[in-house]
Amino acid sequence: MAVVSVRIPKDLREKLRKLGFDISEEMRKHLSWLAMKEESRESLQELEKLIQKLPTAPRGTAEKLIREDRDAH
């Protein structure tokens, strides 16, 4: 595990401790959340790039597929 130091005002630290927060644990949770959020954002950007590379369907394709599906039932 790596060590990270953060300076916060003393009154904030005391307030968090009085409220029962484990500051170290809260920081670990928040940093994990930030990493997950950034990974999700990057994955979404990659997916959008892949979608843009897909060929477009000819006009009327959706209507045709819906009609075929409805007629099959």
PDB file of N, CA and C in Angstrom:
ATOM      1  N   MET A   1       0.832  -1.175   0.000  1.00  0.00           N
ATOM      2  CA  MET A   1       0.000   0.000   0.000  1.00  0.00           C
ATOM      3  C   MET A   1       0.881   1.244   0.000  1.00  0.00           C
ATOM      4  N   ALA A   2       0.453   2.274  -0.690  1.00  0.00           N
ATOM      5  CA  ALA A   2       1.177   3.543  -0.743  1.00  0.00           C
ATOM      6  C   ALA A   2       0.629   4.487   0.327  1.00  0.00           C
ATOM      7  N   VAL A   3       1.447   5.434   0.720  1.00  0.00           N
ATOM      8  CA  VAL A   3       1.049   6.417   1.725  1.00  0.00           C
ATOM      9  C   VAL A   3       0.805   7.754   1.037  1.00  0.00           C
ATOM     10  N   VAL A   4      -0.333   8.387   1.365  1.00  0.00           N
ATOM     11  CA  VAL A   4      -0.688   9.694   0.824  1.00  0.00           C
ATOM     12  C   VAL A   4      -1.035  10.590   2.008  1.00  0.00           C
ATOM     13  N   SER A   5      -0.472  11.780   2.028  1.00  0.00           N
ATOM     14  CA  SER A   5      -0.775  12.735   3.101  1.00  0.00           C
ATOM     15  C   SER A   5      -1.645  13.856   2.566  1.00  0.00           C
ATOM     16  N   VAL A   6      -2.592  14.267   3.389  1.00  0.00           N
ATOM     17  CA  VAL A   6      -3.484  15.357   3.021  1.00  0.00           C
ATOM     18  C   VAL A   6      -3.568  16.301   4.212  1.00  0.00           C
ATOM     19  N   ARG A   7      -3.434  17.583   3.933  1.00  0.00           N
ATOM     20  CA  ARG A   7      -3.580  18.583   4.991  1.00  0.00           C
ATOM     21  C   ARG A   7      -4.993  19.150   4.941  1.00  0.00           C
ATOM     22  N   ILE A   8      -5.639  19.130   6.111  1.00  0.00           N
ATOM     23  CA  ILE A   8      -6.964  19.731   6.238  1.00  0.00           C
ATOM     24  C   ILE A   8      -6.947  20.616   7.477  1.00  0.00           C
ATOM     25  N   PRO A   9      -7.836  21.577   7.547  1.00  0.00           N
ATOM     26  CA  PRO A   9      -7.889  22.427   8.736  1.00  0.00           C
ATOM     27  C   PRO A   9      -8.179  21.603   9.995  1.00  0.00           C
ATOM     28  N   LYS A  10      -7.577  22.000  11.100  1.00  0.00           N
ATOM     29  CA  LYS A  10      -7.753  21.255  12.350  1.00  0.00           C
ATOM     30  C   LYS A  10      -9.215  21.186  12.767  1.00  0.00           C
ATOM     31  N   ASP A  11      -9.951  22.284  12.592  1.00  0.00           N
ATOM     32  CA  ASP A  11     -11.356  22.273  13.007  1.00  0.00           C
ATOM     33  C   ASP A  11     -12.169  21.278  12.181  1.00  0.00           C
ATOM     34  N   LEU A  12     -11.837  21.118  10.912  1.00  0.00           N
ATOM     35  CA  LEU A  12     -12.519  20.129  10.074  1.00  0.00           C
ATOM     36  C   LEU A  12     -12.195  18.723  10.564  1.00  0.00           C
ATOM     37  N   ARG A  13     -10.939  18.479  10.865  1.00  0.00           N
ATOM     38  CA  ARG A  13     -10.538  17.157  11.363  1.00  0.00           C
ATOM     39  C   ARG A  13     -11.277  16.824  12.655  1.00  0.00           C
ATOM     40  N   GLU A  14     -11.348  17.775  13.572  1.00  0.00           N
ATOM     41  CA  GLU A  14     -12.036  17.541  14.839  1.00  0.00           C
ATOM     42  C   GLU A  14     -13.530  17.326  14.623  1.00  0.00           C
ATOM     43  N   LYS A  15     -14.112  18.102  13.741  1.00  0.00           N
ATOM     44  CA  LYS A  15     -15.532  17.968  13.438  1.00  0.00           C
ATOM     45  C   LYS A  15     -15.829  16.568  12.893  1.00  0.00           C
ATOM     46  N   LEU A  16     -14.995  16.104  11.946  1.00  0.00           N
ATOM     47  CA  LEU A  16     -15.193  14.766  11.362  1.00  0.00           C
ATOM     48  C   LEU A  16     -15.028  13.673  12.405  1.00  0.00           C
ATOM     49  N   ARG A  17     -14.047  13.814  13.265  1.00  0.00           N
ATOM     50  CA  ARG A  17     -13.842  12.810  14.319  1.00  0.00           C
ATOM     51  C   ARG A  17     -15.005  12.789  15.297  1.00  0.00           C
ATOM     52  N   LYS A  18     -15.519  13.978  15.680  1.00  0.00           N
ATOM     53  CA  LYS A  18     -16.659  14.036  16.595  1.00  0.00           C
ATOM     54  C   LYS A  18     -17.892  13.389  15.976  1.00  0.00           C
ATOM     55  N   LEU A  19     -18.010  13.511  14.665  1.00  0.00           N
ATOM     56  CA  LEU A  19     -19.140  12.907  13.961  1.00  0.00           C
ATOM     57  C   LEU A  19     -18.950  11.406  13.726  1.00  0.00           C
ATOM     58  N   GLY A  20     -17.801  10.882  14.097  1.00  0.00           N
ATOM     59  CA  GLY A  20     -17.561   9.438  14.000  1.00  0.00           C
ATOM     60  C   GLY A  20     -16.968   8.970  12.688  1.00  0.00           C
ATOM     61  N   PHE A  21     -16.430   9.880  11.900  1.00  0.00           N
ATOM     62  CA  PHE A  21     -15.832   9.493  10.622  1.00  0.00           C
ATOM     63  C   PHE A  21     -14.405   9.013  10.816  1.00  0.00           C
ATOM     64  N   ASP A  22     -14.059   7.942  10.129  1.00  0.00           N
ATOM     65  CA  ASP A  22     -12.667   7.496  10.041  1.00  0.00           C
ATOM     66  C   ASP A  22     -12.119   8.180   8.786  1.00  0.00           C
ATOM     67  N   ILE A  23     -11.363   9.242   8.996  1.00  0.00           N
ATOM     68  CA  ILE A  23     -10.917  10.077   7.885  1.00  0.00           C
ATOM     69  C   ILE A  23     -10.128   9.270   6.859  1.00  0.00           C
ATOM     70  N   SER A  24      -9.247   8.410   7.311  1.00  0.00           N
ATOM     71  CA  SER A  24      -8.443   7.600   6.382  1.00  0.00           C
ATOM     72  C   SER A  24      -9.328   6.702   5.525  1.00  0.00           C
ATOM     73  N   GLU A  25     -10.307   6.057   6.160  1.00  0.00           N
ATOM     74  CA  GLU A  25     -11.200   5.169   5.422  1.00  0.00           C
ATOM     75  C   GLU A  25     -12.044   5.954   4.427  1.00  0.00           C
ATOM     76  N   GLU A  26     -12.529   7.114   4.845  1.00  0.00           N
ATOM     77  CA  GLU A  26     -13.329   7.944   3.948  1.00  0.00           C
ATOM     78  C   GLU A  26     -12.507   8.402   2.743  1.00  0.00           C
ATOM     79  N   MET A  27     -11.256   8.740   2.961  1.00  0.00           N
ATOM     80  CA  MET A  27     -10.384   9.145   1.857  1.00  0.00           C
ATOM     81  C   MET A  27     -10.156   7.981   0.901  1.00  0.00           C
ATOM     82  N   ARG A  28      -9.932   6.784   1.445  1.00  0.00           N
ATOM     83  CA  ARG A  28      -9.748   5.603   0.579  1.00  0.00           C
ATOM     84  C   ARG A  28     -10.990   5.355  -0.263  1.00  0.00           C
ATOM     85  N   LYS A  29     -12.174   5.443   0.366  1.00  0.00           N
ATOM     86  CA  LYS A  29     -13.423   5.229  -0.374  1.00  0.00           C
ATOM     87  C   LYS A  29     -13.581   6.266  -1.483  1.00  0.00           C
ATOM     88  N   HIS A  30     -13.326   7.518  -1.139  1.00  0.00           N
ATOM     89  CA  HIS A  30     -13.517   8.580  -2.129  1.00  0.00           C
ATOM     90  C   HIS A  30     -12.535   8.441  -3.289  1.00  0.00           C
ATOM     91  N   LEU A  31     -11.290   8.122  -2.990  1.00  0.00           N
ATOM     92  CA  LEU A  31     -10.299   7.969  -4.060  1.00  0.00           C
ATOM     93  C   LEU A  31     -10.636   6.773  -4.944  1.00  0.00           C
ATOM     94  N   SER A  32     -11.143   5.708  -4.345  1.00  0.00           N
ATOM     95  CA  SER A  32     -11.580   4.548  -5.139  1.00  0.00           C
ATOM     96  C   SER A  32     -12.737   4.939  -6.048  1.00  0.00           C
ATOM     97  N   TRP A  33     -13.680   5.713  -5.509  1.00  0.00           N
ATOM     98  CA  TRP A  33     -14.814   6.178  -6.295  1.00  0.00           C
ATOM     99  C   TRP A  33     -14.348   7.050  -7.455  1.00  0.00           C
ATOM    100  N   LEU A  34     -13.387   7.947  -7.189  1.00  0.00           N
ATOM    101  CA  LEU A  34     -12.863   8.800  -8.260  1.00  0.00           C
ATOM    102  C   LEU A  34     -12.226   7.974  -9.376  1.00  0.00           C
ATOM    103  N   ALA A  35     -11.455   6.958  -8.992  1.00  0.00           N
ATOM    104  CA  ALA A  35     -10.800   6.103  -9.987  1.00  0.00           C
ATOM    105  C   ALA A  35     -11.849   5.366 -10.821  1.00  0.00           C
ATOM    106  N   MET A  36     -12.881   4.827 -10.155  1.00  0.00           N
ATOM    107  CA  MET A  36     -13.929   4.105 -10.870  1.00  0.00           C
ATOM    108  C   MET A  36     -14.674   5.048 -11.816  1.00  0.00           C
ATOM    109  N   LYS A  37     -14.957   6.250 -11.363  1.00  0.00           N
ATOM    110  CA  LYS A  37     -15.654   7.241 -12.185  1.00  0.00           C
ATOM    111  C   LYS A  37     -14.840   7.576 -13.431  1.00  0.00           C
ATOM    112  N   GLU A  38     -13.546   7.775 -13.269  1.00  0.00           N
ATOM    113  CA  GLU A  38     -12.689   8.115 -14.410  1.00  0.00           C
ATOM    114  C   GLU A  38     -12.579   6.943 -15.384  1.00  0.00           C
ATOM    115  N   GLU A  39     -12.455   5.722 -14.859  1.00  0.00           N
ATOM    116  CA  GLU A  39     -12.405   4.543 -15.727  1.00  0.00           C
ATOM    117  C   GLU A  39     -13.705   4.414 -16.524  1.00  0.00           C
ATOM    118  N   SER A  40     -14.826   4.671 -15.873  1.00  0.00           N
ATOM    119  CA  SER A  40     -16.119   4.608 -16.560  1.00  0.00           C
ATOM    120  C   SER A  40     -16.195   5.648 -17.659  1.00  0.00           C
ATOM    121  N   ARG A  41     -15.725   6.856 -17.376  1.00  0.00           N
ATOM    122  CA  ARG A  41     -15.742   7.927 -18.364  1.00  0.00           C
ATOM    123  C   ARG A  41     -14.891   7.553 -19.571  1.00  0.00           C
ATOM    124  N   GLU A  42     -13.711   6.995 -19.317  1.00  0.00           N
ATOM    125  CA  GLU A  42     -12.825   6.590 -20.410  1.00  0.00           C
ATOM    126  C   GLU A  42     -13.447   5.458 -21.225  1.00  0.00           C
ATOM    127  N   SER A  43     -14.074   4.500 -20.547  1.00  0.00           N
ATOM    128  CA  SER A  43     -14.726   3.394 -21.256  1.00  0.00           C
ATOM    129  C   SER A  43     -15.859   3.908 -22.130  1.00  0.00           C
ATOM    130  N   LEU A  44     -16.614   4.866 -21.614  1.00  0.00           N
ATOM    131  CA  LEU A  44     -17.703   5.436 -22.387  1.00  0.00           C
ATOM    132  C   LEU A  44     -17.181   6.154 -23.628  1.00  0.00           C
ATOM    133  N   GLN A  45     -16.074   6.869 -23.490  1.00  0.00           N
ATOM    134  CA  GLN A  45     -15.483   7.545 -24.646  1.00  0.00           C
ATOM    135  C   GLN A  45     -15.030   6.538 -25.698  1.00  0.00           C
ATOM    136  N   GLU A  46     -14.424   5.430 -25.262  1.00  0.00           N
ATOM    137  CA  GLU A  46     -13.992   4.393 -26.206  1.00  0.00           C
ATOM    138  C   GLU A  46     -15.198   3.791 -26.917  1.00  0.00           C
ATOM    139  N   LEU A  47     -16.271   3.559 -26.164  1.00  0.00           N
ATOM    140  CA  LEU A  47     -17.479   2.992 -26.747  1.00  0.00           C
ATOM    141  C   LEU A  47     -18.089   3.942 -27.769  1.00  0.00           C
ATOM    142  N   GLU A  48     -18.101   5.230 -27.444  1.00  0.00           N
ATOM    143  CA  GLU A  48     -18.633   6.214 -28.397  1.00  0.00           C
ATOM    144  C   GLU A  48     -17.814   6.240 -29.685  1.00  0.00           C
ATOM    145  N   LYS A  49     -16.496   6.099 -29.577  1.00  0.00           N
ATOM    146  CA  LYS A  49     -15.651   6.053 -30.769  1.00  0.00           C
ATOM    147  C   LYS A  49     -15.972   4.824 -31.620  1.00  0.00           C
ATOM    148  N   LEU A  50     -16.178   3.678 -30.958  1.00  0.00           N
ATOM    149  CA  LEU A  50     -16.524   2.456 -31.690  1.00  0.00           C
ATOM    150  C   LEU A  50     -17.868   2.603 -32.380  1.00  0.00           C
ATOM    151  N   ILE A  51     -18.826   3.196 -31.701  1.00  0.00           N
ATOM    152  CA  ILE A  51     -20.157   3.378 -32.281  1.00  0.00           C
ATOM    153  C   ILE A  51     -20.090   4.273 -33.510  1.00  0.00           C
ATOM    154  N   GLN A  52     -19.266   5.305 -33.457  1.00  0.00           N
ATOM    155  CA  GLN A  52     -19.141   6.211 -34.604  1.00  0.00           C
ATOM    156  C   GLN A  52     -18.565   5.508 -35.824  1.00  0.00           C
ATOM    157  N   LYS A  53     -17.776   4.453 -35.604  1.00  0.00           N
ATOM    158  CA  LYS A  53     -17.173   3.718 -36.714  1.00  0.00           C
ATOM    159  C   LYS A  53     -18.144   2.736 -37.357  1.00  0.00           C
ATOM    160  N   LEU A  54     -19.252   2.426 -36.675  1.00  0.00           N
ATOM    161  CA  LEU A  54     -20.218   1.476 -37.225  1.00  0.00           C
ATOM    162  C   LEU A  54     -20.912   2.070 -38.436  1.00  0.00           C
ATOM    163  N   PRO A  55     -21.208   1.230 -39.412  1.00  0.00           N
ATOM    164  CA  PRO A  55     -21.931   1.751 -40.586  1.00  0.00           C
ATOM    165  C   PRO A  55     -23.374   2.075 -40.206  1.00  0.00           C
ATOM    166  N   THR A  56     -23.947   3.051 -40.873  1.00  0.00           N
ATOM    167  CA  THR A  56     -25.341   3.400 -40.598  1.00  0.00           C
ATOM    168  C   THR A  56     -26.259   2.474 -41.373  1.00  0.00           C
ATOM    169  N   ALA A  57     -27.422   2.234 -40.818  1.00  0.00           N
ATOM    170  CA  ALA A  57     -28.401   1.376 -41.480  1.00  0.00           C
ATOM    171  C   ALA A  57     -29.171   2.210 -42.506  1.00  0.00           C
ATOM    172  N   PRO A  58     -29.583   1.579 -43.581  1.00  0.00           N
ATOM    173  CA  PRO A  58     -30.373   2.310 -44.589  1.00  0.00           C
ATOM    174  C   PRO A  58     -31.679   2.819 -43.982  1.00  0.00           C
ATOM    175  N   ARG A  59     -32.161   3.925 -44.502  1.00  0.00           N
ATOM    176  CA  ARG A  59     -33.395   4.525 -44.009  1.00  0.00           C
ATOM    177  C   ARG A  59     -34.549   3.530 -44.151  1.00  0.00           C
ATOM    178  N   GLY A  60     -35.338   3.412 -43.081  1.00  0.00           N
ATOM    179  CA  GLY A  60     -36.485   2.505 -43.097  1.00  0.00           C
ATOM    180  C   GLY A  60     -36.183   1.132 -42.512  1.00  0.00           C
ATOM    181  N   THR A  61     -34.949   0.874 -42.140  1.00  0.00           N
ATOM    182  CA  THR A  61     -34.580  -0.442 -41.600  1.00  0.00           C
ATOM    183  C   THR A  61     -35.328  -0.734 -40.309  1.00  0.00           C
ATOM    184  N   ALA A  62     -35.400   0.234 -39.408  1.00  0.00           N
ATOM    185  CA  ALA A  62     -36.079   0.022 -38.133  1.00  0.00           C
ATOM    186  C   ALA A  62     -37.547  -0.312 -38.357  1.00  0.00           C
ATOM    187  N   GLU A  63     -38.193   0.440 -39.219  1.00  0.00           N
ATOM    188  CA  GLU A  63     -39.609   0.176 -39.513  1.00  0.00           C
ATOM    189  C   GLU A  63     -39.788  -1.231 -40.067  1.00  0.00           C
ATOM    190  N   LYS A  64     -38.913  -1.614 -40.963  1.00  0.00           N
ATOM    191  CA  LYS A  64     -38.995  -2.940 -41.591  1.00  0.00           C
ATOM    192  C   LYS A  64     -38.834  -4.038 -40.539  1.00  0.00           C
ATOM    193  N   LEU A  65     -37.855  -3.893 -39.658  1.00  0.00           N
ATOM    194  CA  LEU A  65     -37.618  -4.917 -38.637  1.00  0.00           C
ATOM    195  C   LEU A  65     -38.774  -4.995 -37.643  1.00  0.00           C
ATOM    196  N   ILE A  66     -39.320  -3.863 -37.264  1.00  0.00           N
ATOM    197  CA  ILE A  66     -40.459  -3.861 -36.345  1.00  0.00           C
ATOM    198  C   ILE A  66     -41.665  -4.519 -36.990  1.00  0.00           C
ATOM    199  N   ARG A  67     -41.916  -4.173 -38.246  1.00  0.00           N
ATOM    200  CA  ARG A  67     -43.060  -4.756 -38.966  1.00  0.00           C
ATOM    201  C   ARG A  67     -42.892  -6.279 -39.078  1.00  0.00           C
ATOM    202  N   GLU A  68     -41.692  -6.750 -39.414  1.00  0.00           N
ATOM    203  CA  GLU A  68     -41.439  -8.190 -39.517  1.00  0.00           C
ATOM    204  C   GLU A  68     -41.674  -8.868 -38.175  1.00  0.00           C
ATOM    205  N   ASP A  69     -41.249  -8.236 -37.094  1.00  0.00           N
ATOM    206  CA  ASP A  69     -41.417  -8.821 -35.772  1.00  0.00           C
ATOM    207  C   ASP A  69     -42.895  -8.893 -35.406  1.00  0.00           C
ATOM    208  N   ARG A  70     -43.649  -7.848 -35.695  1.00  0.00           N
ATOM    209  CA  ARG A  70     -45.080  -7.830 -35.370  1.00  0.00           C
ATOM    210  C   ARG A  70     -45.834  -8.846 -36.207  1.00  0.00           C
ATOM    211  N   ASP A  71     -45.454  -8.985 -37.458  1.00  0.00           N
ATOM    212  CA  ASP A  71     -46.134  -9.945 -38.336  1.00  0.00           C
ATOM    213  C   ASP A  71     -45.827 -11.382 -37.950  1.00  0.00           C
ATOM    214  N   ALA A  72     -44.720 -11.609 -37.303  1.00  0.00           N
ATOM    215  CA  ALA A  72     -44.331 -12.971 -36.917  1.00  0.00           C
ATOM    216  C   ALA A  72     -45.154 -13.486 -35.733  1.00  0.00           C
ATOM    217  N   HIS A  73     -45.846 -12.594 -35.035  1.00  0.00           N
ATOM    218  CA  HIS A  73     -46.623 -13.016 -33.856  1.00  0.00           C
ATOM    219  C   HIS A  73     -48.040 -13.157 -34.200  1.00  0.00           C
TER     220      HIS A  73
END
